[in-house]
Amino acid sequence: MGSSVYRVHKGVGKPIVFKGLEGQYFMWLGGGIVGLLVVFALLHMTGVNTYICLGLILSGGGGMIVYVYQLSRRYGQYGMMKTAAKRKIPRVVRCNSRKIFIKY
């Protein structure tokens, strides 16, 4: 009996990257595509001409893709989450009373 040789998967622990799009931006792109699908259905059900619907959706989709790729390039994999978290940190913490420092 010969010994089995198994190759270790080299991509474990690495972020997902596809043509420059990283990590969380796949969700943003997927959510945008689903949103455009819903908008197309609503426009089509209200009786808007199909070619007008397609033009609006294709231009909106192109703009959305360009915007998501810009976000991915500007912030990287975790940068947008870090920026959002940084905005939530208060600039000043004020204490108008000494009661919290006095032990009973």
N, C-alpha and C. Protein backbone atom coordinates (compact mmCIF):
# COMPACT_ATOMS: atom_id res chain seq x y z
N MET A 1 0.83 -1.17 0.00
CA MET A 1 0.00 0.00 0.00
C MET A 1 0.88 1.24 0.00
N GLY A 2 0.58 2.13 -0.92
CA GLY A 2 1.33 3.38 -0.98
C GLY A 2 0.70 4.45 -0.10
N SER A 3 1.50 5.39 0.28
CA SER A 3 0.96 6.47 1.11
C SER A 3 0.22 7.48 0.23
N SER A 4 -0.83 8.05 0.78
CA SER A 4 -1.62 9.05 0.06
C SER A 4 -0.97 10.42 0.20
N VAL A 5 -1.00 11.16 -0.87
CA VAL A 5 -0.44 12.51 -0.87
C VAL A 5 -1.59 13.49 -1.08
N TYR A 6 -1.76 14.39 -0.13
CA TYR A 6 -2.81 15.39 -0.23
C TYR A 6 -2.18 16.77 -0.36
N ARG A 7 -2.73 17.54 -1.26
CA ARG A 7 -2.23 18.91 -1.42
C ARG A 7 -3.02 19.84 -0.50
N VAL A 8 -2.32 20.78 0.10
CA VAL A 8 -2.95 21.75 0.98
C VAL A 8 -3.51 22.88 0.12
N HIS A 9 -4.75 23.25 0.42
CA HIS A 9 -5.37 24.34 -0.32
C HIS A 9 -4.72 25.66 0.08
N LYS A 10 -4.13 26.35 -0.85
CA LYS A 10 -3.35 27.56 -0.54
C LYS A 10 -4.23 28.79 -0.31
N GLY A 11 -5.52 28.72 -0.64
CA GLY A 11 -6.38 29.90 -0.54
C GLY A 11 -7.15 30.01 0.76
N VAL A 12 -6.90 29.14 1.71
CA VAL A 12 -7.63 29.17 2.97
C VAL A 12 -7.22 30.41 3.75
N GLY A 13 -8.19 31.17 4.21
CA GLY A 13 -7.92 32.35 5.01
C GLY A 13 -7.71 33.61 4.20
N LYS A 14 -7.63 33.51 2.89
CA LYS A 14 -7.44 34.70 2.05
C LYS A 14 -8.81 35.25 1.67
N PRO A 15 -8.90 36.57 1.49
CA PRO A 15 -10.20 37.15 1.09
C PRO A 15 -10.55 36.80 -0.35
N ILE A 16 -11.82 36.85 -0.64
CA ILE A 16 -12.28 36.60 -2.00
C ILE A 16 -11.97 37.84 -2.84
N VAL A 17 -11.31 37.65 -3.96
CA VAL A 17 -11.00 38.75 -4.87
C VAL A 17 -11.37 38.30 -6.27
N PHE A 18 -12.17 39.12 -6.96
CA PHE A 18 -12.55 38.81 -8.34
C PHE A 18 -12.46 40.08 -9.15
N LYS A 19 -11.49 40.15 -10.03
CA LYS A 19 -11.28 41.30 -10.91
C LYS A 19 -11.22 42.61 -10.14
N GLY A 20 -10.53 42.61 -9.02
CA GLY A 20 -10.34 43.82 -8.24
C GLY A 20 -11.41 44.08 -7.21
N LEU A 21 -12.48 43.31 -7.20
CA LEU A 21 -13.56 43.48 -6.24
C LEU A 21 -13.28 42.59 -5.04
N GLU A 22 -13.28 43.17 -3.83
CA GLU A 22 -12.88 42.42 -2.65
C GLU A 22 -14.02 42.28 -1.66
N GLY A 23 -14.01 41.18 -0.94
CA GLY A 23 -14.82 40.90 0.24
C GLY A 23 -16.24 41.40 0.27
N GLN A 24 -16.49 42.42 1.10
CA GLN A 24 -17.84 42.89 1.37
C GLN A 24 -18.50 43.55 0.17
N TYR A 25 -17.74 43.94 -0.81
CA TYR A 25 -18.30 44.65 -1.96
C TYR A 25 -19.10 43.71 -2.87
N PHE A 26 -18.89 42.40 -2.72
CA PHE A 26 -19.74 41.46 -3.45
C PHE A 26 -21.18 41.58 -2.97
N MET A 27 -21.36 41.78 -1.66
CA MET A 27 -22.72 41.94 -1.12
C MET A 27 -23.34 43.24 -1.63
N TRP A 28 -22.54 44.31 -1.66
CA TRP A 28 -23.05 45.57 -2.17
C TRP A 28 -23.48 45.43 -3.63
N LEU A 29 -22.67 44.77 -4.42
CA LEU A 29 -22.99 44.58 -5.84
C LEU A 29 -24.20 43.68 -6.01
N GLY A 30 -24.27 42.59 -5.24
CA GLY A 30 -25.42 41.70 -5.31
C GLY A 30 -26.71 42.39 -4.89
N GLY A 31 -26.65 43.17 -3.81
CA GLY A 31 -27.83 43.91 -3.36
C GLY A 31 -28.28 44.94 -4.39
N GLY A 32 -27.32 45.58 -5.03
CA GLY A 32 -27.66 46.55 -6.08
C GLY A 32 -28.32 45.89 -7.28
N ILE A 33 -27.85 44.72 -7.65
CA ILE A 33 -28.44 44.00 -8.78
C ILE A 33 -29.86 43.56 -8.45
N VAL A 34 -30.07 43.06 -7.23
CA VAL A 34 -31.43 42.67 -6.81
C VAL A 34 -32.33 43.90 -6.79
N GLY A 35 -31.82 45.03 -6.30
CA GLY A 35 -32.60 46.26 -6.29
C GLY A 35 -32.97 46.71 -7.69
N LEU A 36 -32.04 46.61 -8.63
CA LEU A 36 -32.34 46.97 -10.02
C LEU A 36 -33.38 46.03 -10.63
N LEU A 37 -33.34 44.77 -10.25
CA LEU A 37 -34.34 43.82 -10.74
C LEU A 37 -35.73 44.19 -10.24
N VAL A 38 -35.82 44.59 -8.97
CA VAL A 38 -37.11 45.01 -8.41
C VAL A 38 -37.60 46.28 -9.09
N VAL A 39 -36.71 47.24 -9.32
CA VAL A 39 -37.10 48.48 -10.01
C VAL A 39 -37.57 48.18 -11.42
N PHE A 40 -36.89 47.29 -12.12
CA PHE A 40 -37.33 46.92 -13.47
C PHE A 40 -38.72 46.30 -13.44
N ALA A 41 -38.96 45.41 -12.48
CA ALA A 41 -40.28 44.78 -12.39
C ALA A 41 -41.36 45.81 -12.10
N LEU A 42 -41.08 46.74 -11.20
CA LEU A 42 -42.07 47.77 -10.88
C LEU A 42 -42.34 48.68 -12.08
N LEU A 43 -41.30 49.08 -12.78
CA LEU A 43 -41.50 49.92 -13.96
C LEU A 43 -42.27 49.19 -15.04
N HIS A 44 -41.95 47.92 -15.23
CA HIS A 44 -42.63 47.15 -16.26
C HIS A 44 -44.11 46.91 -15.91
N MET A 45 -44.39 46.69 -14.61
CA MET A 45 -45.78 46.47 -14.20
C MET A 45 -46.60 47.75 -14.27
N THR A 46 -45.97 48.90 -14.12
CA THR A 46 -46.72 50.16 -14.21
C THR A 46 -46.97 50.58 -15.64
N GLY A 47 -46.40 49.88 -16.60
CA GLY A 47 -46.71 50.14 -17.99
C GLY A 47 -45.71 51.01 -18.72
N VAL A 48 -44.54 51.22 -18.14
CA VAL A 48 -43.50 51.99 -18.81
C VAL A 48 -42.96 51.15 -19.97
N ASN A 49 -42.64 51.82 -21.07
CA ASN A 49 -42.13 51.14 -22.26
C ASN A 49 -40.91 50.29 -21.89
N THR A 50 -40.83 49.09 -22.48
CA THR A 50 -39.77 48.15 -22.15
C THR A 50 -38.39 48.71 -22.48
N TYR A 51 -38.27 49.41 -23.59
CA TYR A 51 -36.96 49.96 -23.97
C TYR A 51 -36.51 51.07 -23.02
N ILE A 52 -37.46 51.84 -22.53
CA ILE A 52 -37.13 52.87 -21.54
C ILE A 52 -36.68 52.20 -20.24
N CYS A 53 -37.41 51.14 -19.84
CA CYS A 53 -37.02 50.38 -18.64
C CYS A 53 -35.61 49.83 -18.77
N LEU A 54 -35.33 49.21 -19.90
CA LEU A 54 -34.00 48.63 -20.12
C LEU A 54 -32.92 49.70 -20.10
N GLY A 55 -33.19 50.83 -20.74
CA GLY A 55 -32.21 51.93 -20.75
C GLY A 55 -31.92 52.42 -19.34
N LEU A 56 -32.98 52.62 -18.55
CA LEU A 56 -32.78 53.09 -17.17
C LEU A 56 -32.02 52.06 -16.34
N ILE A 57 -32.40 50.81 -16.46
CA ILE A 57 -31.77 49.76 -15.65
C ILE A 57 -30.32 49.54 -16.06
N LEU A 58 -30.05 49.53 -17.36
CA LEU A 58 -28.67 49.32 -17.82
C LEU A 58 -27.76 50.49 -17.42
N SER A 59 -28.27 51.72 -17.55
CA SER A 59 -27.45 52.86 -17.14
C SER A 59 -27.27 52.88 -15.62
N GLY A 60 -28.32 52.56 -14.87
CA GLY A 60 -28.20 52.49 -13.42
C GLY A 60 -27.26 51.38 -12.99
N GLY A 61 -27.32 50.24 -13.66
CA GLY A 61 -26.44 49.12 -13.36
C GLY A 61 -24.99 49.45 -13.65
N GLY A 62 -24.75 50.10 -14.77
CA GLY A 62 -23.38 50.51 -15.10
C GLY A 62 -22.82 51.49 -14.08
N GLY A 63 -23.64 52.46 -13.69
CA GLY A 63 -23.21 53.42 -12.68
C GLY A 63 -22.95 52.75 -11.35
N MET A 64 -23.81 51.80 -11.00
CA MET A 64 -23.64 51.09 -9.72
C MET A 64 -22.34 50.28 -9.72
N ILE A 65 -22.05 49.60 -10.81
CA ILE A 65 -20.83 48.80 -10.90
C ILE A 65 -19.60 49.69 -10.79
N VAL A 66 -19.61 50.82 -11.49
CA VAL A 66 -18.48 51.76 -11.42
C VAL A 66 -18.31 52.27 -10.00
N TYR A 67 -19.42 52.61 -9.32
CA TYR A 67 -19.36 53.14 -7.96
C TYR A 67 -18.83 52.10 -6.97
N VAL A 68 -19.29 50.85 -7.09
CA VAL A 68 -18.83 49.80 -6.18
C VAL A 68 -17.35 49.51 -6.40
N TYR A 69 -16.90 49.52 -7.63
CA TYR A 69 -15.47 49.31 -7.89
C TYR A 69 -14.64 50.48 -7.35
N GLN A 70 -15.17 51.70 -7.42
CA GLN A 70 -14.45 52.84 -6.84
C GLN A 70 -14.34 52.69 -5.32
N LEU A 71 -15.44 52.25 -4.68
CA LEU A 71 -15.40 52.03 -3.23
C LEU A 71 -14.38 50.96 -2.88
N SER A 72 -14.35 49.89 -3.67
CA SER A 72 -13.41 48.80 -3.41
C SER A 72 -11.97 49.27 -3.56
N ARG A 73 -11.73 50.09 -4.56
CA ARG A 73 -10.37 50.60 -4.78
C ARG A 73 -9.97 51.59 -3.70
N ARG A 74 -10.91 52.46 -3.29
CA ARG A 74 -10.59 53.51 -2.32
C ARG A 74 -10.38 52.96 -0.92
N TYR A 75 -11.28 52.09 -0.47
CA TYR A 75 -11.25 51.64 0.91
C TYR A 75 -10.60 50.27 1.12
N GLY A 76 -10.53 49.45 0.13
CA GLY A 76 -9.96 48.12 0.31
C GLY A 76 -10.95 47.18 0.97
N GLN A 77 -10.44 46.09 1.50
CA GLN A 77 -11.34 45.05 2.02
C GLN A 77 -12.09 45.50 3.27
N TYR A 78 -11.41 46.09 4.24
CA TYR A 78 -12.06 46.45 5.49
C TYR A 78 -12.13 47.96 5.72
N GLY A 79 -11.61 48.76 4.81
CA GLY A 79 -11.50 50.20 5.03
C GLY A 79 -12.83 50.91 5.19
N MET A 80 -13.84 50.49 4.45
CA MET A 80 -15.13 51.16 4.55
C MET A 80 -15.78 50.89 5.91
N MET A 81 -15.62 49.67 6.43
CA MET A 81 -16.15 49.36 7.76
C MET A 81 -15.39 50.15 8.83
N LYS A 82 -14.08 50.30 8.65
CA LYS A 82 -13.29 51.06 9.61
C LYS A 82 -13.69 52.53 9.59
N THR A 83 -13.94 53.07 8.40
CA THR A 83 -14.35 54.46 8.29
C THR A 83 -15.71 54.68 8.93
N ALA A 84 -16.64 53.76 8.72
CA ALA A 84 -17.97 53.88 9.34
C ALA A 84 -17.87 53.77 10.86
N ALA A 85 -17.00 52.90 11.35
CA ALA A 85 -16.83 52.76 12.79
C ALA A 85 -16.17 54.02 13.38
N LYS A 86 -15.26 54.61 12.65
CA LYS A 86 -14.58 55.81 13.13
C LYS A 86 -15.55 56.98 13.26
N ARG A 87 -16.55 57.05 12.39
CA ARG A 87 -17.54 58.12 12.47
C ARG A 87 -18.42 58.00 13.71
N LYS A 88 -18.56 56.80 14.25
CA LYS A 88 -19.42 56.60 15.41
C LYS A 88 -18.73 56.90 16.73
N ILE A 89 -17.42 57.11 16.72
CA ILE A 89 -16.68 57.44 17.95
C ILE A 89 -16.96 58.90 18.29
N PRO A 90 -17.38 59.17 19.52
CA PRO A 90 -17.64 60.58 19.88
C PRO A 90 -16.34 61.37 19.94
N ARG A 91 -16.42 62.64 19.54
CA ARG A 91 -15.23 63.49 19.56
C ARG A 91 -14.87 63.91 20.98
N VAL A 92 -15.90 64.16 21.79
CA VAL A 92 -15.68 64.63 23.15
C VAL A 92 -16.59 63.86 24.08
N VAL A 93 -16.05 63.45 25.22
CA VAL A 93 -16.87 62.82 26.26
C VAL A 93 -16.93 63.81 27.42
N ARG A 94 -18.14 64.24 27.75
CA ARG A 94 -18.31 65.23 28.81
C ARG A 94 -18.92 64.58 30.04
N CYS A 95 -18.45 65.02 31.17
CA CYS A 95 -18.99 64.57 32.44
C CYS A 95 -19.30 65.82 33.25
N ASN A 96 -20.55 66.10 33.50
CA ASN A 96 -20.94 67.30 34.23
C ASN A 96 -21.10 67.06 35.73
N SER A 97 -20.86 65.86 36.17
CA SER A 97 -21.03 65.55 37.56
C SER A 97 -19.86 64.70 38.05
N ARG A 98 -19.54 64.83 39.35
CA ARG A 98 -18.48 64.02 39.92
C ARG A 98 -19.03 62.75 40.55
N LYS A 99 -20.31 62.52 40.47
CA LYS A 99 -20.93 61.38 41.15
C LYS A 99 -20.39 60.04 40.68
N ILE A 100 -20.01 59.94 39.44
CA ILE A 100 -19.53 58.64 38.94
C ILE A 100 -18.15 58.29 39.49
N PHE A 101 -17.42 59.31 40.00
CA PHE A 101 -16.10 59.06 40.55
C PHE A 101 -16.09 58.88 42.06
N ILE A 102 -17.21 59.19 42.69
CA ILE A 102 -17.29 59.09 44.15
C ILE A 102 -17.86 57.74 44.52
N LYS A 103 -17.14 57.02 45.37
CA LYS A 103 -17.62 55.72 45.84
C LYS A 103 -18.44 55.92 47.10
N TYR A 104 -19.49 55.16 47.21
CA TYR A 104 -20.37 55.29 48.38
C TYR A 104 -19.91 54.42 49.51
